[in-house]
């Protein structure tokens, strides 16, 4: 099942300059695994020992995955995954 991962500008250099990438996976975890397998430089930004990194907001079809199933959030054909790293500063 194919989903689209939208890549924000700050992560694009690590994703081959792509704005979006098509991935396969029935869950968010499977989709992110495929994304990292294709673009290993993204691993440190998308992976954490205990799930999603706290500084990374992830939305599936407009809903924060922390309100869904986190990494086990199911994806359906045509799902859109949006990656939004938190910005620091003042």
C-alpha atoms as a PDB file:
ATOM      1  CA  UNK A   1       0.000   0.000   0.000  1.00  0.00           C
ATOM      2  CA  UNK A   2       1.461   3.291  -1.073  1.00  0.00           C
ATOM      3  CA  UNK A   3       1.612   6.443   1.046  1.00  0.00           C
ATOM      4  CA  UNK A   4       3.186   9.826   0.411  1.00  0.00           C
ATOM      5  CA  UNK A   5       5.673  11.231   2.909  1.00  0.00           C
ATOM      6  CA  UNK A   6       5.990  15.004   2.675  1.00  0.00           C
ATOM      7  CA  UNK A   7       9.511  16.148   3.470  1.00  0.00           C
ATOM      8  CA  UNK A   8       9.975  19.630   5.003  1.00  0.00           C
ATOM      9  CA  UNK A   9      12.749  21.872   3.666  1.00  0.00           C
ATOM     10  CA  UNK A  10      15.029  21.249   6.659  1.00  0.00           C
ATOM     11  CA  UNK A  11      15.077  17.482   5.976  1.00  0.00           C
ATOM     12  CA  UNK A  12      15.268  17.610   2.173  1.00  0.00           C
ATOM     13  CA  UNK A  13      19.077  17.567   1.950  1.00  0.00           C
ATOM     14  CA  UNK A  14      18.992  14.201   3.759  1.00  0.00           C
ATOM     15  CA  UNK A  15      16.204  12.944   1.467  1.00  0.00           C
ATOM     16  CA  UNK A  16      17.900  13.551  -1.862  1.00  0.00           C
ATOM     17  CA  UNK A  17      16.303  16.992  -2.166  1.00  0.00           C
ATOM     18  CA  UNK A  18      12.821  15.479  -2.496  1.00  0.00           C
ATOM     19  CA  UNK A  19       9.701  17.348  -1.398  1.00  0.00           C
ATOM     20  CA  UNK A  20       7.799  14.098  -1.128  1.00  0.00           C
ATOM     21  CA  UNK A  21       8.552  10.402  -1.356  1.00  0.00           C
ATOM     22  CA  UNK A  22       6.259   7.463  -2.090  1.00  0.00           C
ATOM     23  CA  UNK A  23       6.678   4.589   0.365  1.00  0.00           C
ATOM     24  CA  UNK A  24       5.018   1.257   1.037  1.00  0.00           C
ATOM     25  CA  UNK A  25       3.790   0.151   4.430  1.00  0.00           C
ATOM     26  CA  UNK A  26       0.662  -0.758   6.351  1.00  0.00           C
ATOM     27  CA  UNK A  27       1.805   1.241   9.381  1.00  0.00           C
ATOM     28  CA  UNK A  28       3.711   4.440  10.026  1.00  0.00           C
ATOM     29  CA  UNK A  29       6.628   2.364  11.359  1.00  0.00           C
ATOM     30  CA  UNK A  30       6.865   0.352   8.135  1.00  0.00           C
ATOM     31  CA  UNK A  31       6.679   3.502   6.006  1.00  0.00           C
ATOM     32  CA  UNK A  32       9.401   5.250   8.016  1.00  0.00           C
ATOM     33  CA  UNK A  33      11.565   2.116   7.886  1.00  0.00           C
ATOM     34  CA  UNK A  34      11.355   2.164   4.087  1.00  0.00           C
ATOM     35  CA  UNK A  35      12.086   5.894   3.996  1.00  0.00           C
ATOM     36  CA  UNK A  36      15.202   5.440   6.168  1.00  0.00           C
ATOM     37  CA  UNK A  37      16.293   2.414   4.127  1.00  0.00           C
ATOM     38  CA  UNK A  38      16.174   4.602   1.013  1.00  0.00           C
ATOM     39  CA  UNK A  39      17.681   7.691   2.693  1.00  0.00           C
ATOM     40  CA  UNK A  40      19.854   6.496   5.626  1.00  0.00           C
ATOM     41  CA  UNK A  41      20.854  10.081   6.490  1.00  0.00           C
ATOM     42  CA  UNK A  42      17.312  10.585   7.828  1.00  0.00           C
ATOM     43  CA  UNK A  43      17.739   7.910  10.521  1.00  0.00           C
ATOM     44  CA  UNK A  44      19.126  10.211  13.213  1.00  0.00           C
ATOM     45  CA  UNK A  45      16.260  12.672  12.653  1.00  0.00           C
ATOM     46  CA  UNK A  46      13.395  10.136  12.508  1.00  0.00           C
ATOM     47  CA  UNK A  47      14.372   7.381  14.922  1.00  0.00           C
ATOM     48  CA  UNK A  48      14.618   7.146  18.687  1.00  0.00           C
ATOM     49  CA  UNK A  49      15.169   4.207  21.015  1.00  0.00           C
ATOM     50  CA  UNK A  50      11.685   4.583  22.460  1.00  0.00           C
ATOM     51  CA  UNK A  51       9.572   5.542  19.441  1.00  0.00           C
ATOM     52  CA  UNK A  52       9.368   8.869  17.662  1.00  0.00           C
ATOM     53  CA  UNK A  53      11.842  11.554  18.695  1.00  0.00           C
ATOM     54  CA  UNK A  54      10.188  14.140  20.973  1.00  0.00           C
ATOM     55  CA  UNK A  55      11.233  16.984  18.652  1.00  0.00           C
ATOM     56  CA  UNK A  56       9.518  15.457  15.607  1.00  0.00           C
ATOM     57  CA  UNK A  57       5.821  16.018  14.970  1.00  0.00           C
ATOM     58  CA  UNK A  58       4.258  13.508  12.603  1.00  0.00           C
ATOM     59  CA  UNK A  59       0.799  13.753  11.071  1.00  0.00           C
ATOM     60  CA  UNK A  60      -1.088  11.132   9.082  1.00  0.00           C
ATOM     61  CA  UNK A  61      -3.864  12.570   6.957  1.00  0.00           C
ATOM     62  CA  UNK A  62      -3.874  15.711   9.098  1.00  0.00           C
ATOM     63  CA  UNK A  63      -4.000  14.063  12.548  1.00  0.00           C
ATOM     64  CA  UNK A  64      -1.098  14.009  15.006  1.00  0.00           C
ATOM     65  CA  UNK A  65       0.029  10.387  15.372  1.00  0.00           C
ATOM     66  CA  UNK A  66       0.367  10.895  19.114  1.00  0.00           C
ATOM     67  CA  UNK A  67      -3.465  10.994  19.122  1.00  0.00           C
ATOM     68  CA  UNK A  68      -3.592   7.849  17.000  1.00  0.00           C
ATOM     69  CA  UNK A  69      -1.296   4.863  17.396  1.00  0.00           C
ATOM     70  CA  UNK A  70       2.128   6.546  17.204  1.00  0.00           C
ATOM     71  CA  UNK A  71       4.362   4.234  15.146  1.00  0.00           C
ATOM     72  CA  UNK A  72       1.576   1.656  14.860  1.00  0.00           C
ATOM     73  CA  UNK A  73      -0.751   4.187  13.195  1.00  0.00           C
ATOM     74  CA  UNK A  74      -2.281   2.360  10.225  1.00  0.00           C
ATOM     75  CA  UNK A  75      -1.857   3.747   6.731  1.00  0.00           C
ATOM     76  CA  UNK A  76      -4.335   3.275   3.921  1.00  0.00           C
ATOM     77  CA  UNK A  77      -3.615   3.609   0.199  1.00  0.00           C
ATOM     78  CA  UNK A  78      -3.138   7.292  -0.531  1.00  0.00           C
ATOM     79  CA  UNK A  79      -2.324   8.315   3.056  1.00  0.00           C
ATOM     80  CA  UNK A  80      -0.189  11.410   3.468  1.00  0.00           C
ATOM     81  CA  UNK A  81       2.462  11.485   6.178  1.00  0.00           C
ATOM     82  CA  UNK A  82       3.742  14.919   7.132  1.00  0.00           C
ATOM     83  CA  UNK A  83       7.034  15.236   9.018  1.00  0.00           C
ATOM     84  CA  UNK A  84       7.462  18.450  10.996  1.00  0.00           C
ATOM     85  CA  UNK A  85      10.615  18.835  13.102  1.00  0.00           C
ATOM     86  CA  UNK A  86      10.082  21.199  16.024  1.00  0.00           C
ATOM     87  CA  UNK A  87      11.867  24.519  15.662  1.00  0.00           C
ATOM     88  CA  UNK A  88      13.735  26.055  18.563  1.00  0.00           C
ATOM     89  CA  UNK A  89      14.630  29.653  19.050  1.00  0.00           C
ATOM     90  CA  UNK A  90      13.091  32.859  20.083  1.00  0.00           C
END
